[in-house]
PDB file of N, CA and C in Angstrom:
ATOM      1  N   MET A   1     -17.027 -20.230  -1.769  1.00  0.00           N
ATOM      2  CA  MET A   1     -16.739 -20.321  -3.223  1.00  0.00           C
ATOM      3  C   MET A   1     -15.448 -19.710  -3.573  1.00  0.00           C
ATOM      4  N   TRP A   2     -14.977 -18.718  -2.827  1.00  0.00           N
ATOM      5  CA  TRP A   2     -13.721 -18.047  -3.251  1.00  0.00           C
ATOM      6  C   TRP A   2     -12.556 -19.013  -3.178  1.00  0.00           C
ATOM      7  N   LYS A   3     -12.601 -20.001  -2.319  1.00  0.00           N
ATOM      8  CA  LYS A   3     -11.512 -20.918  -2.183  1.00  0.00           C
ATOM      9  C   LYS A   3     -11.286 -21.758  -3.444  1.00  0.00           C
ATOM     10  N   LEU A   4     -12.349 -22.024  -4.238  1.00  0.00           N
ATOM     11  CA  LEU A   4     -12.257 -22.785  -5.407  1.00  0.00           C
ATOM     12  C   LEU A   4     -11.393 -22.048  -6.471  1.00  0.00           C
ATOM     13  N   GLN A   5     -11.412 -20.755  -6.489  1.00  0.00           N
ATOM     14  CA  GLN A   5     -10.662 -20.008  -7.492  1.00  0.00           C
ATOM     15  C   GLN A   5      -9.141 -19.880  -7.134  1.00  0.00           C
ATOM     16  N   GLY A   6      -8.869 -20.107  -5.828  1.00  0.00           N
ATOM     17  CA  GLY A   6      -7.482 -19.932  -5.505  1.00  0.00           C
ATOM     18  C   GLY A   6      -7.122 -18.495  -4.989  1.00  0.00           C
ATOM     19  N   ALA A   7      -5.914 -18.243  -4.496  1.00  0.00           N
ATOM     20  CA  ALA A   7      -5.536 -16.943  -4.025  1.00  0.00           C
ATOM     21  C   ALA A   7      -5.199 -15.974  -5.199  1.00  0.00           C
ATOM     22  N   GLU A   8      -5.421 -14.751  -5.067  1.00  0.00           N
ATOM     23  CA  GLU A   8      -4.961 -13.779  -5.982  1.00  0.00           C
ATOM     24  C   GLU A   8      -3.459 -13.493  -5.870  1.00  0.00           C
ATOM     25  N   PRO A   9      -2.850 -13.195  -6.931  1.00  0.00           N
ATOM     26  CA  PRO A   9      -1.307 -12.888  -6.806  1.00  0.00           C
ATOM     27  C   PRO A   9      -1.153 -11.556  -6.123  1.00  0.00           C
ATOM     28  N   LEU A  10      -0.080 -11.449  -5.343  1.00  0.00           N
ATOM     29  CA  LEU A  10       0.295 -10.262  -4.617  1.00  0.00           C
ATOM     30  C   LEU A  10       0.779  -9.248  -5.621  1.00  0.00           C
ATOM     31  N   THR A  11       0.531  -7.955  -5.402  1.00  0.00           N
ATOM     32  CA  THR A  11       1.022  -6.914  -6.285  1.00  0.00           C
ATOM     33  C   THR A  11       2.296  -6.389  -5.636  1.00  0.00           C
ATOM     34  N   GLY A  12       3.323  -6.375  -6.400  1.00  0.00           N
ATOM     35  CA  GLY A  12       4.714  -5.947  -5.900  1.00  0.00           C
ATOM     36  C   GLY A  12       4.908  -4.449  -6.175  1.00  0.00           C
ATOM     37  N   ILE A  13       5.571  -3.855  -5.256  1.00  0.00           N
ATOM     38  CA  ILE A  13       5.873  -2.429  -5.452  1.00  0.00           C
ATOM     39  C   ILE A  13       7.430  -2.356  -5.393  1.00  0.00           C
ATOM     40  N   ASP A  14       7.970  -1.978  -6.596  1.00  0.00           N
ATOM     41  CA  ASP A  14       9.410  -1.986  -6.710  1.00  0.00           C
ATOM     42  C   ASP A  14       9.959  -0.617  -6.405  1.00  0.00           C
ATOM     43  N   GLN A  15       9.706  -0.145  -5.161  1.00  0.00           N
ATOM     44  CA  GLN A  15      10.196   1.165  -4.727  1.00  0.00           C
ATOM     45  C   GLN A  15      10.482   1.106  -3.210  1.00  0.00           C
ATOM     46  N   ARG A  16      11.374   1.934  -2.765  1.00  0.00           N
ATOM     47  CA  ARG A  16      11.753   2.023  -1.370  1.00  0.00           C
ATOM     48  C   ARG A  16      11.302   3.432  -0.852  1.00  0.00           C
ATOM     49  N   TYR A  17      10.878   3.410   0.322  1.00  0.00           N
ATOM     50  CA  TYR A  17      10.410   4.593   1.059  1.00  0.00           C
ATOM     51  C   TYR A  17      11.091   4.778   2.349  1.00  0.00           C
ATOM     52  N   LYS A  18      11.543   5.982   2.551  1.00  0.00           N
ATOM     53  CA  LYS A  18      12.061   6.372   3.914  1.00  0.00           C
ATOM     54  C   LYS A  18      11.025   7.284   4.553  1.00  0.00           C
ATOM     55  N   PHE A  19      10.657   6.903   5.765  1.00  0.00           N
ATOM     56  CA  PHE A  19       9.639   7.554   6.588  1.00  0.00           C
ATOM     57  C   PHE A  19      10.310   8.393   7.641  1.00  0.00           C
ATOM     58  N   PRO A  20      10.431   9.730   7.447  1.00  0.00           N
ATOM     59  CA  PRO A  20      10.946  10.490   8.547  1.00  0.00           C
ATOM     60  C   PRO A  20       9.974  10.620   9.670  1.00  0.00           C
ATOM     61  N   TYR A  21      10.482  10.829  10.894  1.00  0.00           N
ATOM     62  CA  TYR A  21       9.599  11.004  12.032  1.00  0.00           C
ATOM     63  C   TYR A  21       8.780  12.294  11.861  1.00  0.00           C
ATOM     64  N   THR A  22       7.548  12.130  11.999  1.00  0.00           N
ATOM     65  CA  THR A  22       6.614  13.268  11.896  1.00  0.00           C
ATOM     66  C   THR A  22       5.437  12.965  12.784  1.00  0.00           C
ATOM     67  N   PRO A  23       4.902  14.021  13.386  1.00  0.00           N
ATOM     68  CA  PRO A  23       3.709  13.822  14.273  1.00  0.00           C
ATOM     69  C   PRO A  23       2.449  13.606  13.433  1.00  0.00           C
ATOM     70  N   GLU A  24       2.435  13.812  12.107  1.00  0.00           N
ATOM     71  CA  GLU A  24       1.329  13.635  11.193  1.00  0.00           C
ATOM     72  C   GLU A  24       1.323  12.203  10.640  1.00  0.00           C
ATOM     73  N   PRO A  25       0.194  11.591  10.352  1.00  0.00           N
ATOM     74  CA  PRO A  25       0.147  10.305   9.770  1.00  0.00           C
ATOM     75  C   PRO A  25       0.606  10.279   8.304  1.00  0.00           C
ATOM     76  N   VAL A  26       1.226   9.128   7.888  1.00  0.00           N
ATOM     77  CA  VAL A  26       1.676   8.963   6.516  1.00  0.00           C
ATOM     78  C   VAL A  26       0.672   7.978   5.895  1.00  0.00           C
ATOM     79  N   ASN A  27       0.234   8.388   4.738  1.00  0.00           N
ATOM     80  CA  ASN A  27      -0.757   7.519   4.024  1.00  0.00           C
ATOM     81  C   ASN A  27      -0.190   6.895   2.778  1.00  0.00           C
ATOM     82  N   VAL A  28      -0.338   5.588   2.593  1.00  0.00           N
ATOM     83  CA  VAL A  28       0.262   4.898   1.439  1.00  0.00           C
ATOM     84  C   VAL A  28      -0.866   4.259   0.621  1.00  0.00           C
ATOM     85  N   ASP A  29      -0.838   4.618  -0.706  1.00  0.00           N
ATOM     86  CA  ASP A  29      -1.821   4.030  -1.616  1.00  0.00           C
ATOM     87  C   ASP A  29      -1.228   2.765  -2.208  1.00  0.00           C
ATOM     88  N   LEU A  30      -1.655   1.555  -1.828  1.00  0.00           N
ATOM     89  CA  LEU A  30      -1.083   0.386  -2.288  1.00  0.00           C
ATOM     90  C   LEU A  30      -1.288   0.104  -3.727  1.00  0.00           C
ATOM     91  N   LEU A  31      -2.424   0.457  -4.294  1.00  0.00           N
ATOM     92  CA  LEU A  31      -2.628   0.188  -5.732  1.00  0.00           C
ATOM     93  C   LEU A  31      -1.794   1.055  -6.591  1.00  0.00           C
ATOM     94  N   ALA A  32      -1.637   2.268  -6.248  1.00  0.00           N
ATOM     95  CA  ALA A  32      -0.826   3.214  -6.957  1.00  0.00           C
ATOM     96  C   ALA A  32       0.636   3.141  -6.665  1.00  0.00           C
ATOM     97  N   GLY A  33       0.905   2.592  -5.423  1.00  0.00           N
ATOM     98  CA  GLY A  33       2.339   2.424  -5.128  1.00  0.00           C
ATOM     99  C   GLY A  33       3.023   3.732  -4.759  1.00  0.00           C
ATOM    100  N   ARG A  34       2.311   4.663  -4.112  1.00  0.00           N
ATOM    101  CA  ARG A  34       2.906   5.919  -3.751  1.00  0.00           C
ATOM    102  C   ARG A  34       2.308   6.480  -2.458  1.00  0.00           C
ATOM    103  N   LEU A  35       3.005   7.458  -1.904  1.00  0.00           N
ATOM    104  CA  LEU A  35       2.489   8.171  -0.725  1.00  0.00           C
ATOM    105  C   LEU A  35       1.392   9.160  -1.266  1.00  0.00           C
ATOM    106  N   VAL A  36       0.315   9.253  -0.446  1.00  0.00           N
ATOM    107  CA  VAL A  36      -0.725  10.207  -0.748  1.00  0.00           C
ATOM    108  C   VAL A  36      -0.970  11.042   0.496  1.00  0.00           C
ATOM    109  N   PRO A  37      -1.532  12.234   0.254  1.00  0.00           N
ATOM    110  CA  PRO A  37      -1.802  13.112   1.408  1.00  0.00           C
ATOM    111  C   PRO A  37      -3.015  12.618   2.264  1.00  0.00           C
ATOM    112  N   THR A  38      -3.999  12.064   1.586  1.00  0.00           N
ATOM    113  CA  THR A  38      -5.207  11.502   2.424  1.00  0.00           C
ATOM    114  C   THR A  38      -5.736  10.297   1.709  1.00  0.00           C
ATOM    115  N   GLY A  39      -6.441   9.440   2.385  1.00  0.00           N
ATOM    116  CA  GLY A  39      -7.201   8.402   1.746  1.00  0.00           C
ATOM    117  C   GLY A  39      -6.320   7.165   1.280  1.00  0.00           C
ATOM    118  N   GLY A  40      -5.200   6.963   1.953  1.00  0.00           N
ATOM    119  CA  GLY A  40      -4.424   5.762   1.595  1.00  0.00           C
ATOM    120  C   GLY A  40      -4.868   4.530   2.179  1.00  0.00           C
ATOM    121  N   ASP A  41      -4.317   3.380   1.827  1.00  0.00           N
ATOM    122  CA  ASP A  41      -4.671   2.077   2.348  1.00  0.00           C
ATOM    123  C   ASP A  41      -4.026   1.841   3.737  1.00  0.00           C
ATOM    124  N   LEU A  42      -2.854   2.383   3.831  1.00  0.00           N
ATOM    125  CA  LEU A  42      -2.065   2.152   5.108  1.00  0.00           C
ATOM    126  C   LEU A  42      -1.837   3.553   5.688  1.00  0.00           C
TER     127      LEU A  42
END
């Protein structure tokens, strides 16, 4: 049934991030469009 509705539009993030090398994981919250300490989407 979800195909009848079509695809949802992508959410754009108009920001650039530089990721320095670190042994700790980097968490990104895609809905908020920012780096978070824990619980990100990526």
